[in-house]
Amino acid sequence: MVRNNDIRQQEKVFWTSILAGLILAIVKAVTAYAASNKALMGDALYTASSAVSSLAERLSKKYRRSRTRTEEDRTAAKERYNKTAAPFTNLLLTVLLLLGGLEIAISAVRDLMSEHTPDPKPYAIVVVFLAMAVNEALFRYRYRYTNKQRSAKLAEEIDTHRYSLYSSILVLAGMLGTIAALELQMDKLYYIEPVSAILVAAILWRQGYQIARQTVYGSLVQDLEREDAAAFMETVQRVRGVITIEDLKAQEYSDGIRIHLKIGVNPQISVQAAAEIADYAKNLLLTRFAHVSSVEVQVLPYTGGYPYKSNYEWTQSREQSGDGMIH
């Protein structure tokens, strides 16, 4: 039978990443406040925004998974969330990132113009090192799963992690620069910390712009995606072995359309047979639609009752029709 191990693993990876990200953000923020380090506060804000943004995206899927709603109710609830709650959450994140980055940048410029001597806190350096290690371990954990699933979100996760690493390195450079200035009696090295804070603020602005662009651009192409999605669904429904299409999300990126697809199959077929159905659906979409750059297919056991074929019937029909995939 088709197992739900992938679904449970996906839930585990997601919630581990979200909770760890929020905890890291809180630890960084508390340390930044205690050490009066503006760059570290910006790094904490970036970490928190990444976790909250992923959580908001995930919440948009909860309506589709409800077994107590009709298909119309799930669709209507999903539409309401995408038109109200999701844009509001993204807008709030964008405002926080832009204003937070602006406040950090202004404060850093004031430090550059003042003669105040910063007081380095060694424990803050330890916290930053530990946070970098935990963040890297979390990324490797997500990367192994995402790469194994051939997810289209892999490039997005790599980009987010890259700039998170840049932010932490800038924070660390500022702290080490302050310590070096005190030890070497070189006042010019004091400028490293406020400059690093300004650069972290720029990373926050970039993150805010990315979230705003995704929200606005996603709304502009929504109608186009619906038209494409109808053609995509019609194609997938022609694949033998696909009972239902649980979810199909088509998003436009610079390299083309990326499709996230969930299909329901007979729970009595083997894992190998389910994988073959998924691969065929993926290759069919990539072949028939030149503007599709990647397809991620997740197979779920169909639990809605009959009609569906047994493993024997599906195998027999497959043998009788050659490749057995297209109805």
Protein backbone atom coordinates (compact mmCIF):
# COMPACT_ATOMS: atom_id res chain seq x y z
CA MET A 1 0.00 0.00 0.00
CA VAL A 2 1.05 3.60 -0.50
CA ARG A 3 2.51 4.78 2.79
CA ASN A 4 2.26 8.18 4.39
CA ASN A 5 5.91 8.24 5.43
CA ASP A 6 6.71 11.09 3.03
CA ILE A 7 3.86 13.19 4.41
CA ARG A 8 4.93 12.62 8.02
CA GLN A 9 8.55 13.35 7.10
CA GLN A 10 7.50 16.55 5.34
CA GLU A 11 5.56 17.67 8.42
CA LYS A 12 8.50 16.85 10.66
CA VAL A 13 10.98 18.77 8.52
CA PHE A 14 8.68 21.77 8.22
CA TRP A 15 7.77 22.17 11.88
CA THR A 16 11.31 21.46 13.06
CA SER A 17 12.58 24.24 10.79
CA ILE A 18 9.85 26.70 11.83
CA LEU A 19 10.21 26.15 15.58
CA ALA A 20 14.00 26.18 15.45
CA GLY A 21 13.95 29.35 13.34
CA LEU A 22 11.64 31.15 15.77
CA ILE A 23 13.72 30.05 18.77
CA LEU A 24 16.90 31.23 17.05
CA ALA A 25 15.28 34.58 16.29
CA ILE A 26 14.24 35.04 19.94
CA VAL A 27 17.70 34.10 21.24
CA LYS A 28 19.36 36.50 18.80
CA ALA A 29 16.95 39.32 19.68
CA VAL A 30 17.47 38.91 23.44
CA THR A 31 21.24 38.78 23.00
CA ALA A 32 21.18 41.79 20.68
CA TYR A 33 19.18 43.80 23.20
CA ALA A 34 21.50 42.85 26.08
CA ALA A 35 24.62 43.60 24.03
CA SER A 36 23.15 46.71 22.34
CA ASN A 37 24.14 45.27 18.98
CA LYS A 38 22.08 46.65 16.10
CA ALA A 39 23.45 44.29 13.46
CA LEU A 40 22.51 41.25 15.55
CA MET A 41 19.01 42.67 16.04
CA GLY A 42 18.69 42.93 12.26
CA ASP A 43 19.89 39.34 11.91
CA ALA A 44 17.22 38.26 14.40
CA LEU A 45 14.57 40.09 12.39
CA TYR A 46 15.68 38.37 9.18
CA THR A 47 15.54 34.93 10.83
CA ALA A 48 12.07 35.62 12.25
CA SER A 49 10.73 36.91 8.92
CA SER A 50 11.91 33.78 7.09
CA ALA A 51 10.15 31.52 9.59
CA VAL A 52 6.91 33.55 9.65
CA SER A 53 6.83 33.79 5.85
CA SER A 54 7.12 30.00 5.54
CA LEU A 55 4.43 29.54 8.19
CA ALA A 56 2.04 31.91 6.39
CA GLU A 57 2.55 30.01 3.15
CA ARG A 58 1.85 26.72 4.91
CA LEU A 59 -1.37 28.00 6.50
CA SER A 60 -2.75 28.64 3.03
CA LYS A 61 -2.82 24.88 2.50
CA LYS A 62 -4.74 23.87 5.62
CA TYR A 63 -8.14 24.37 3.99
CA ARG A 64 -7.36 21.89 1.28
CA ARG A 65 -6.57 19.17 3.82
CA SER A 66 -9.81 19.39 5.76
CA ARG A 67 -11.78 16.16 5.45
CA THR A 68 -14.95 17.72 6.87
CA ARG A 69 -15.36 20.37 4.17
CA THR A 70 -16.76 19.95 0.73
CA GLU A 71 -14.54 20.75 -2.24
CA GLU A 72 -16.45 24.00 -2.77
CA ASP A 73 -15.98 25.01 0.87
CA ARG A 74 -12.27 24.28 0.75
CA THR A 75 -11.88 26.26 -2.45
CA ALA A 76 -13.85 29.22 -1.08
CA ALA A 77 -11.90 29.21 2.18
CA LYS A 78 -8.63 29.02 0.31
CA GLU A 79 -9.65 31.94 -1.91
CA ARG A 80 -10.59 34.04 1.13
CA TYR A 81 -7.27 33.33 2.79
CA ASN A 82 -5.25 34.13 -0.33
CA LYS A 83 -7.14 37.40 -0.86
CA THR A 84 -7.10 38.63 2.75
CA ALA A 85 -4.97 36.90 5.37
CA ALA A 86 -2.01 35.93 3.19
CA PRO A 87 -1.49 39.39 1.61
CA PHE A 88 -2.00 41.05 5.01
CA THR A 89 0.63 38.82 6.62
CA ASN A 90 3.09 39.47 3.81
CA LEU A 91 2.36 43.20 3.92
CA LEU A 92 2.96 43.26 7.66
CA LEU A 93 6.25 41.41 7.22
CA THR A 94 7.32 43.81 4.49
CA VAL A 95 6.57 46.87 6.64
CA LEU A 96 8.42 45.40 9.63
CA LEU A 97 11.46 44.56 7.51
CA LEU A 98 11.60 47.94 5.80
CA LEU A 99 11.02 49.97 8.96
CA GLY A 100 13.28 47.74 11.02
CA GLY A 101 16.04 48.03 8.45
CA LEU A 102 15.56 51.80 8.31
CA GLU A 103 15.77 52.16 12.08
CA ILE A 104 18.92 50.02 12.22
CA ALA A 105 20.54 51.99 9.40
CA ILE A 106 19.74 55.38 10.98
CA SER A 107 21.07 54.24 14.34
CA ALA A 108 24.23 52.89 12.71
CA VAL A 109 24.84 56.20 10.91
CA ARG A 110 24.52 58.00 14.23
CA ASP A 111 27.14 55.68 15.70
CA LEU A 112 29.45 56.46 12.79
CA MET A 113 29.14 60.18 13.50
CA SER A 114 29.48 59.92 17.26
CA GLU A 115 32.56 59.39 19.41
CA HIS A 116 30.93 56.72 21.52
CA THR A 117 33.18 53.73 22.21
CA PRO A 118 31.23 50.46 21.96
CA ASP A 119 31.52 47.90 24.73
CA PRO A 120 31.96 44.43 23.19
CA LYS A 121 30.19 41.51 24.83
CA PRO A 122 32.10 38.21 24.36
CA TYR A 123 28.99 36.15 25.11
CA ALA A 124 27.31 37.69 22.06
CA ILE A 125 30.05 36.27 19.84
CA VAL A 126 29.46 32.81 21.33
CA VAL A 127 25.72 33.13 20.64
CA VAL A 128 26.35 34.13 17.02
CA PHE A 129 28.70 31.19 16.47
CA LEU A 130 26.20 28.74 17.98
CA ALA A 131 23.35 30.25 15.96
CA MET A 132 25.35 29.89 12.75
CA ALA A 133 26.08 26.24 13.57
CA VAL A 134 22.42 25.48 14.34
CA ASN A 135 21.24 27.35 11.24
CA GLU A 136 23.67 25.42 9.05
CA ALA A 137 22.57 22.10 10.56
CA LEU A 138 18.91 22.99 9.94
CA PHE A 139 19.67 23.92 6.35
CA ARG A 140 21.49 20.64 5.74
CA TYR A 141 18.53 18.81 7.27
CA ARG A 142 16.04 20.60 4.99
CA TYR A 143 18.34 20.34 1.99
CA ARG A 144 18.62 16.55 2.19
CA TYR A 145 14.85 16.18 2.28
CA THR A 146 14.10 18.86 -0.34
CA ASN A 147 16.76 17.54 -2.72
CA LYS A 148 15.50 14.00 -2.25
CA GLN A 149 11.96 15.12 -3.11
CA ARG A 150 13.28 17.12 -6.09
CA SER A 151 11.33 20.09 -4.79
CA ALA A 152 11.07 23.29 -6.82
CA LYS A 153 11.54 25.22 -3.56
CA LEU A 154 15.17 24.13 -3.35
CA ALA A 155 16.54 27.24 -5.10
CA GLU A 156 14.43 29.50 -2.87
CA GLU A 157 15.69 27.80 0.29
CA ILE A 158 19.30 28.07 -0.87
CA ASP A 159 18.87 31.79 -1.54
CA THR A 160 17.28 32.41 1.87
CA HIS A 161 20.03 30.47 3.63
CA ARG A 162 22.75 32.29 1.70
CA TYR A 163 21.61 35.72 2.83
CA SER A 164 21.05 34.48 6.36
CA LEU A 165 24.67 33.37 6.35
CA TYR A 166 25.77 36.74 4.95
CA SER A 167 23.90 38.49 7.74
CA SER A 168 25.50 36.38 10.47
CA ILE A 169 28.98 36.88 9.00
CA LEU A 170 28.46 40.65 8.97
CA VAL A 171 27.35 40.58 12.60
CA LEU A 172 30.39 38.53 13.53
CA ALA A 173 32.71 40.84 11.61
CA GLY A 174 31.34 43.86 13.47
CA MET A 175 31.86 42.23 16.86
CA LEU A 176 35.37 41.06 16.06
CA GLY A 177 36.21 44.49 14.65
CA THR A 178 35.24 46.15 17.94
CA ILE A 179 37.36 43.73 19.95
CA ALA A 180 40.30 44.25 17.57
CA ALA A 181 39.93 48.03 17.91
CA LEU A 182 40.20 47.78 21.69
CA GLU A 183 43.12 45.36 21.64
CA LEU A 184 45.10 47.11 18.91
CA GLN A 185 44.12 50.65 19.91
CA MET A 186 42.98 51.40 16.35
CA ASP A 187 39.95 53.68 16.43
CA LYS A 188 39.19 53.19 12.74
CA LEU A 189 38.26 49.58 13.42
CA TYR A 190 35.29 50.81 15.47
CA TYR A 191 33.62 51.72 12.18
CA ILE A 192 33.31 48.05 11.22
CA GLU A 193 30.37 47.43 13.56
CA PRO A 194 28.09 50.28 12.36
CA VAL A 195 29.01 49.55 8.75
CA SER A 196 28.07 45.90 9.26
CA ALA A 197 24.74 47.06 10.75
CA ILE A 198 24.04 49.14 7.63
CA LEU A 199 24.78 46.14 5.40
CA VAL A 200 22.48 43.94 7.49
CA ALA A 201 19.79 46.62 7.08
CA ALA A 202 20.28 46.35 3.31
CA ILE A 203 19.68 42.59 3.56
CA LEU A 204 16.46 43.30 5.47
CA TRP A 205 15.34 45.70 2.73
CA ARG A 206 16.07 43.06 0.12
CA GLN A 207 14.01 40.51 2.05
CA GLY A 208 11.14 42.97 2.37
CA TYR A 209 11.28 43.72 -1.34
CA GLN A 210 11.26 40.01 -2.20
CA ILE A 211 8.18 39.38 -0.05
CA ALA A 212 6.36 42.42 -1.44
CA ARG A 213 7.25 41.49 -5.01
CA GLN A 214 6.05 37.93 -4.52
CA THR A 215 2.75 39.18 -3.07
CA VAL A 216 2.06 41.80 -5.75
CA TYR A 217 3.41 39.82 -8.68
CA GLY A 218 1.56 36.73 -7.53
CA SER A 219 -1.71 38.69 -7.58
CA LEU A 220 -1.03 40.05 -11.06
CA VAL A 221 -0.40 36.63 -12.57
CA GLN A 222 -3.15 34.87 -10.61
CA ASP A 223 -5.61 34.81 -13.50
CA LEU A 224 -2.93 33.57 -15.90
CA GLU A 225 -1.98 30.83 -13.48
CA ARG A 226 -5.62 29.74 -13.24
CA GLU A 227 -5.82 29.36 -17.01
CA ASP A 228 -2.58 27.40 -17.06
CA ALA A 229 -3.69 25.33 -14.08
CA ALA A 230 -6.83 24.26 -15.93
CA ALA A 231 -4.71 22.96 -18.82
CA PHE A 232 -2.29 21.30 -16.39
CA MET A 233 -5.13 19.58 -14.52
CA GLU A 234 -6.70 18.33 -17.74
CA THR A 235 -3.38 16.79 -18.74
CA VAL A 236 -2.76 15.12 -15.37
CA GLN A 237 -6.31 13.75 -15.22
CA ARG A 238 -5.58 11.84 -18.42
CA VAL A 239 -2.84 9.86 -16.71
CA ARG A 240 -4.00 6.34 -15.92
CA GLY A 241 -3.80 5.63 -12.22
CA VAL A 242 -4.55 9.21 -11.11
CA ILE A 243 -7.89 9.16 -9.28
CA THR A 244 -8.00 12.75 -8.07
CA ILE A 245 -5.89 15.89 -8.13
CA GLU A 246 -5.74 16.96 -4.51
CA ASP A 247 -3.85 20.17 -5.23
CA LEU A 248 -2.14 21.90 -8.12
CA LYS A 249 -0.20 25.12 -7.64
CA ALA A 250 1.46 26.83 -10.62
CA GLN A 251 3.79 29.73 -9.88
CA GLU A 252 5.72 31.83 -12.37
CA TYR A 253 9.41 32.47 -11.78
CA SER A 254 12.20 33.91 -13.88
CA ASP A 255 13.05 30.47 -15.26
CA GLY A 256 9.43 29.55 -16.10
CA ILE A 257 6.41 27.94 -14.42
CA ARG A 258 7.01 25.76 -11.38
CA ILE A 259 4.27 23.27 -10.57
CA HIS A 260 3.53 21.74 -7.17
CA LEU A 261 1.17 18.80 -7.68
CA LYS A 262 -0.58 16.42 -5.28
CA ILE A 263 -2.40 13.44 -6.75
CA GLY A 264 -4.56 10.75 -5.19
CA VAL A 265 -3.97 7.15 -6.25
CA ASN A 266 -5.35 3.74 -5.35
CA PRO A 267 -4.11 2.96 -1.81
CA GLN A 268 -3.78 -0.72 -2.77
CA ILE A 269 -1.07 -0.26 -5.41
CA SER A 270 2.61 -0.66 -4.62
CA VAL A 271 4.96 2.19 -3.84
CA GLN A 272 6.81 1.51 -7.09
CA ALA A 273 3.61 1.74 -9.11
CA ALA A 274 2.71 5.02 -7.42
CA ALA A 275 6.18 6.37 -8.18
CA GLU A 276 5.78 5.40 -11.84
CA ILE A 277 2.47 7.28 -12.03
CA ALA A 278 4.07 10.35 -10.47
CA ASP A 279 7.07 10.24 -12.82
CA TYR A 280 4.83 9.86 -15.86
CA ALA A 281 2.66 12.81 -14.81
CA LYS A 282 5.76 14.92 -14.22
CA ASN A 283 7.38 14.07 -17.55
CA LEU A 284 4.09 14.60 -19.37
CA LEU A 285 3.76 18.14 -18.03
CA LEU A 286 7.39 18.97 -18.82
CA THR A 287 7.03 17.60 -22.35
CA ARG A 288 3.70 19.17 -23.32
CA PHE A 289 4.28 22.61 -21.82
CA ALA A 290 7.52 24.25 -22.87
CA HIS A 291 7.16 27.07 -20.33
CA VAL A 292 7.09 24.64 -17.40
CA SER A 293 10.56 24.52 -15.82
CA SER A 294 10.01 22.09 -12.95
CA VAL A 295 7.33 19.81 -11.53
CA GLU A 296 7.09 18.49 -7.99
CA VAL A 297 4.64 15.59 -7.56
CA GLN A 298 3.46 14.26 -4.21
CA VAL A 299 1.46 11.02 -4.17
CA LEU A 300 -1.31 10.54 -1.61
CA PRO A 301 -3.54 7.50 -1.00
CA TYR A 302 -7.08 8.17 -2.21
CA THR A 303 -9.51 7.74 0.71
CA GLY A 304 -12.74 8.96 -0.85
CA GLY A 305 -14.11 5.51 -1.62
CA TYR A 306 -14.97 4.00 -5.00
CA PRO A 307 -14.38 4.12 -7.87
CA TYR A 308 -10.77 3.10 -7.92
CA LYS A 309 -8.92 0.14 -9.32
CA SER A 310 -7.13 -2.58 -7.41
CA ASN A 311 -3.45 -3.20 -7.97
CA TYR A 312 -4.25 -6.20 -10.17
CA GLU A 313 -6.75 -4.29 -12.31
CA TRP A 314 -4.38 -1.35 -12.73
CA THR A 315 -1.54 -3.69 -13.73
CA GLN A 316 -3.74 -5.59 -16.18
CA SER A 317 -5.01 -2.42 -17.86
CA ARG A 318 -1.44 -1.18 -18.07
CA GLU A 319 -0.27 -4.34 -19.83
CA GLN A 320 -3.18 -4.21 -22.27
CA SER A 321 -2.58 -0.60 -23.32
CA GLY A 322 1.19 -0.61 -23.78
CA ASP A 323 2.50 2.10 -21.46
CA GLY A 324 -0.92 2.12 -19.83
CA MET A 325 -0.72 5.67 -18.71
CA ILE A 326 -2.93 7.80 -20.92
CA HIS A 327 -6.69 7.11 -20.87
